[in-house]
Amino acid sequence: MKLMTGFDSNYRYILVAARRARQIQNGAHPTIDTQTKKSCRIAEEEVKAGNIQWYIPEKKTAAEIAKEQLDQAIPDA
């Protein structure tokens, strides 16, 4: 399978489309006009059309989390 434009991996593309399909199944309105009623196909078409925004959350190391918690517990004077 060819890598989809705008995605760092095909796995991420599938995750984004699957999450959007769940939203559609739960009552979200499609952002495109389509003939199909299948939520998976609608989500796939929305992603291909560029209508779905996604981002990769920033990952923090354990040391960064500990430093933030310590800074919150003991503020600078």
N, C-alpha and C. Protein backbone atom coordinates (compact mmCIF):
# COMPACT_ATOMS: atom_id res chain seq x y z
N MET A 1 0.85 -1.18 0.00
CA MET A 1 0.00 0.00 0.00
C MET A 1 0.89 1.24 0.00
N LYS A 2 0.55 2.19 -0.84
CA LYS A 2 1.31 3.43 -0.95
C LYS A 2 1.03 4.32 0.26
N LEU A 3 2.03 5.04 0.72
CA LEU A 3 1.89 5.95 1.86
C LEU A 3 0.98 7.10 1.49
N MET A 4 -0.04 7.34 2.31
CA MET A 4 -0.99 8.42 2.06
C MET A 4 -0.33 9.77 2.29
N THR A 5 -0.66 10.73 1.46
CA THR A 5 -0.10 12.08 1.56
C THR A 5 -0.51 12.71 2.89
N GLY A 6 0.48 13.29 3.59
CA GLY A 6 0.20 13.98 4.84
C GLY A 6 0.32 13.09 6.07
N PHE A 7 0.61 11.82 5.89
CA PHE A 7 0.72 10.90 7.02
C PHE A 7 2.14 10.35 7.10
N ASP A 8 2.60 10.13 8.33
CA ASP A 8 3.94 9.59 8.52
C ASP A 8 3.97 8.07 8.38
N SER A 9 2.79 7.42 8.44
CA SER A 9 2.71 5.98 8.24
C SER A 9 1.29 5.60 7.84
N ASN A 10 1.16 4.46 7.19
CA ASN A 10 -0.17 3.97 6.82
C ASN A 10 -0.96 3.58 8.07
N TYR A 11 -0.26 3.15 9.09
CA TYR A 11 -0.92 2.80 10.35
C TYR A 11 -1.63 4.02 10.93
N ARG A 12 -0.98 5.18 10.92
CA ARG A 12 -1.61 6.40 11.46
C ARG A 12 -2.83 6.78 10.62
N TYR A 13 -2.74 6.60 9.30
CA TYR A 13 -3.88 6.87 8.43
C TYR A 13 -5.08 6.01 8.84
N ILE A 14 -4.85 4.74 9.09
CA ILE A 14 -5.92 3.83 9.49
C ILE A 14 -6.48 4.24 10.85
N LEU A 15 -5.63 4.64 11.78
CA LEU A 15 -6.10 5.08 13.10
C LEU A 15 -6.99 6.32 13.00
N VAL A 16 -6.59 7.28 12.18
CA VAL A 16 -7.36 8.51 12.01
C VAL A 16 -8.71 8.19 11.37
N ALA A 17 -8.70 7.38 10.33
CA ALA A 17 -9.95 7.02 9.65
C ALA A 17 -10.86 6.21 10.57
N ALA A 18 -10.30 5.32 11.36
CA ALA A 18 -11.11 4.50 12.27
C ALA A 18 -11.74 5.37 13.36
N ARG A 19 -10.99 6.31 13.89
CA ARG A 19 -11.55 7.20 14.92
C ARG A 19 -12.68 8.04 14.33
N ARG A 20 -12.49 8.52 13.11
CA ARG A 20 -13.53 9.32 12.46
C ARG A 20 -14.77 8.45 12.17
N ALA A 21 -14.56 7.20 11.77
CA ALA A 21 -15.68 6.29 11.51
C ALA A 21 -16.50 6.08 12.79
N ARG A 22 -15.82 5.95 13.94
CA ARG A 22 -16.54 5.83 15.21
C ARG A 22 -17.36 7.07 15.51
N GLN A 23 -16.81 8.24 15.20
CA GLN A 23 -17.55 9.48 15.41
C GLN A 23 -18.81 9.50 14.55
N ILE A 24 -18.69 9.07 13.31
CA ILE A 24 -19.84 9.04 12.40
C ILE A 24 -20.88 8.05 12.90
N GLN A 25 -20.44 6.88 13.37
CA GLN A 25 -21.35 5.88 13.91
C GLN A 25 -22.10 6.42 15.14
N ASN A 26 -21.44 7.29 15.88
CA ASN A 26 -22.04 7.85 17.09
C ASN A 26 -22.86 9.11 16.83
N GLY A 27 -23.08 9.45 15.55
CA GLY A 27 -23.98 10.54 15.23
C GLY A 27 -23.36 11.78 14.61
N ALA A 28 -22.04 11.83 14.43
CA ALA A 28 -21.41 13.00 13.80
C ALA A 28 -21.84 13.06 12.33
N HIS A 29 -22.00 14.25 11.83
CA HIS A 29 -22.41 14.43 10.44
C HIS A 29 -21.19 14.39 9.52
N PRO A 30 -21.29 13.70 8.39
CA PRO A 30 -20.19 13.65 7.43
C PRO A 30 -19.88 15.04 6.88
N THR A 31 -18.62 15.28 6.56
CA THR A 31 -18.20 16.57 6.02
C THR A 31 -18.21 16.59 4.49
N ILE A 32 -18.56 15.46 3.88
CA ILE A 32 -18.62 15.37 2.42
C ILE A 32 -19.95 14.75 2.00
N ASP A 33 -20.33 14.99 0.76
CA ASP A 33 -21.49 14.33 0.18
C ASP A 33 -21.01 13.05 -0.48
N THR A 34 -21.68 11.95 -0.15
CA THR A 34 -21.27 10.66 -0.70
C THR A 34 -22.49 9.78 -0.89
N GLN A 35 -22.37 8.78 -1.74
CA GLN A 35 -23.46 7.85 -2.00
C GLN A 35 -23.52 6.72 -0.97
N THR A 36 -22.41 6.44 -0.32
CA THR A 36 -22.33 5.31 0.60
C THR A 36 -22.91 5.65 1.96
N LYS A 37 -23.38 4.63 2.64
CA LYS A 37 -23.90 4.78 4.00
C LYS A 37 -22.93 4.20 5.03
N LYS A 38 -21.86 3.55 4.55
CA LYS A 38 -20.91 2.89 5.44
C LYS A 38 -19.98 3.92 6.08
N SER A 39 -19.94 3.92 7.40
CA SER A 39 -19.15 4.92 8.12
C SER A 39 -17.66 4.81 7.82
N CYS A 40 -17.15 3.60 7.64
CA CYS A 40 -15.73 3.42 7.34
C CYS A 40 -15.36 4.05 6.00
N ARG A 41 -16.21 3.84 5.01
CA ARG A 41 -15.95 4.39 3.67
C ARG A 41 -16.08 5.92 3.69
N ILE A 42 -17.07 6.44 4.41
CA ILE A 42 -17.23 7.89 4.52
C ILE A 42 -15.99 8.49 5.18
N ALA A 43 -15.53 7.89 6.28
CA ALA A 43 -14.35 8.39 6.99
C ALA A 43 -13.13 8.37 6.09
N GLU A 44 -12.96 7.30 5.33
CA GLU A 44 -11.82 7.19 4.42
C GLU A 44 -11.86 8.30 3.37
N GLU A 45 -13.03 8.58 2.82
CA GLU A 45 -13.16 9.63 1.83
C GLU A 45 -12.90 11.01 2.43
N GLU A 46 -13.34 11.22 3.68
CA GLU A 46 -13.09 12.49 4.35
C GLU A 46 -11.60 12.72 4.57
N VAL A 47 -10.92 11.67 5.00
CA VAL A 47 -9.47 11.78 5.24
C VAL A 47 -8.75 12.05 3.93
N LYS A 48 -9.10 11.34 2.87
CA LYS A 48 -8.47 11.54 1.57
C LYS A 48 -8.72 12.95 1.04
N ALA A 49 -9.90 13.51 1.34
CA ALA A 49 -10.24 14.86 0.88
C ALA A 49 -9.55 15.94 1.71
N GLY A 50 -8.94 15.55 2.82
CA GLY A 50 -8.25 16.52 3.68
C GLY A 50 -9.18 17.27 4.61
N ASN A 51 -10.37 16.74 4.86
CA ASN A 51 -11.34 17.40 5.72
C ASN A 51 -11.14 17.09 7.21
N ILE A 52 -10.29 16.15 7.52
CA ILE A 52 -10.08 15.73 8.91
C ILE A 52 -8.75 16.25 9.39
N GLN A 53 -8.78 17.00 10.48
CA GLN A 53 -7.56 17.53 11.10
C GLN A 53 -7.10 16.56 12.19
N TRP A 54 -5.80 16.32 12.28
CA TRP A 54 -5.25 15.45 13.31
C TRP A 54 -3.87 15.96 13.68
N TYR A 55 -3.41 15.56 14.85
CA TYR A 55 -2.07 15.91 15.28
C TYR A 55 -1.53 14.81 16.18
N ILE A 56 -0.22 14.77 16.29
CA ILE A 56 0.44 13.82 17.18
C ILE A 56 0.75 14.54 18.47
N PRO A 57 0.18 14.09 19.60
CA PRO A 57 0.44 14.78 20.85
C PRO A 57 1.92 14.70 21.23
N GLU A 58 2.38 15.75 21.88
CA GLU A 58 3.78 15.82 22.30
C GLU A 58 4.02 14.81 23.42
N LYS A 59 5.06 14.01 23.27
CA LYS A 59 5.40 13.03 24.30
C LYS A 59 6.46 13.62 25.22
N LYS A 60 6.27 13.44 26.51
CA LYS A 60 7.23 13.95 27.48
C LYS A 60 7.92 12.77 28.16
N THR A 61 9.18 12.98 28.48
CA THR A 61 9.92 11.95 29.20
C THR A 61 9.51 11.98 30.67
N ALA A 62 9.83 10.93 31.38
CA ALA A 62 9.52 10.85 32.81
C ALA A 62 10.22 11.98 33.57
N ALA A 63 11.43 12.34 33.15
CA ALA A 63 12.17 13.41 33.81
C ALA A 63 11.48 14.76 33.61
N GLU A 64 10.95 15.01 32.41
CA GLU A 64 10.24 16.26 32.15
C GLU A 64 8.95 16.36 32.98
N ILE A 65 8.24 15.25 33.09
CA ILE A 65 7.01 15.23 33.89
C ILE A 65 7.32 15.47 35.36
N ALA A 66 8.37 14.81 35.86
CA ALA A 66 8.76 14.98 37.26
C ALA A 66 9.18 16.42 37.53
N LYS A 67 9.92 17.03 36.60
CA LYS A 67 10.34 18.42 36.79
C LYS A 67 9.14 19.36 36.83
N GLU A 68 8.17 19.15 35.95
CA GLU A 68 6.96 19.98 35.95
C GLU A 68 6.20 19.85 37.26
N GLN A 69 6.07 18.63 37.75
CA GLN A 69 5.36 18.40 39.01
C GLN A 69 6.09 19.03 40.18
N LEU A 70 7.40 18.94 40.17
CA LEU A 70 8.20 19.55 41.23
C LEU A 70 8.09 21.07 41.17
N ASP A 71 8.12 21.63 39.96
CA ASP A 71 7.98 23.08 39.82
C ASP A 71 6.61 23.57 40.30
N GLN A 72 5.58 22.76 40.10
CA GLN A 72 4.25 23.13 40.57
C GLN A 72 4.14 23.02 42.09
N ALA A 73 4.81 22.03 42.66
CA ALA A 73 4.73 21.80 44.09
C ALA A 73 5.57 22.84 44.86
N ILE A 74 6.71 23.24 44.29
CA ILE A 74 7.61 24.19 44.96
C ILE A 74 7.87 25.33 43.96
N PRO A 75 7.00 26.34 43.95
CA PRO A 75 7.21 27.46 43.01
C PRO A 75 8.44 28.28 43.39
N ASP A 76 9.04 28.90 42.38
CA ASP A 76 10.20 29.75 42.62
C ASP A 76 9.78 30.97 43.43
N ALA A 77 10.65 31.40 44.31
CA ALA A 77 10.34 32.54 45.15
C ALA A 77 10.73 33.84 44.48
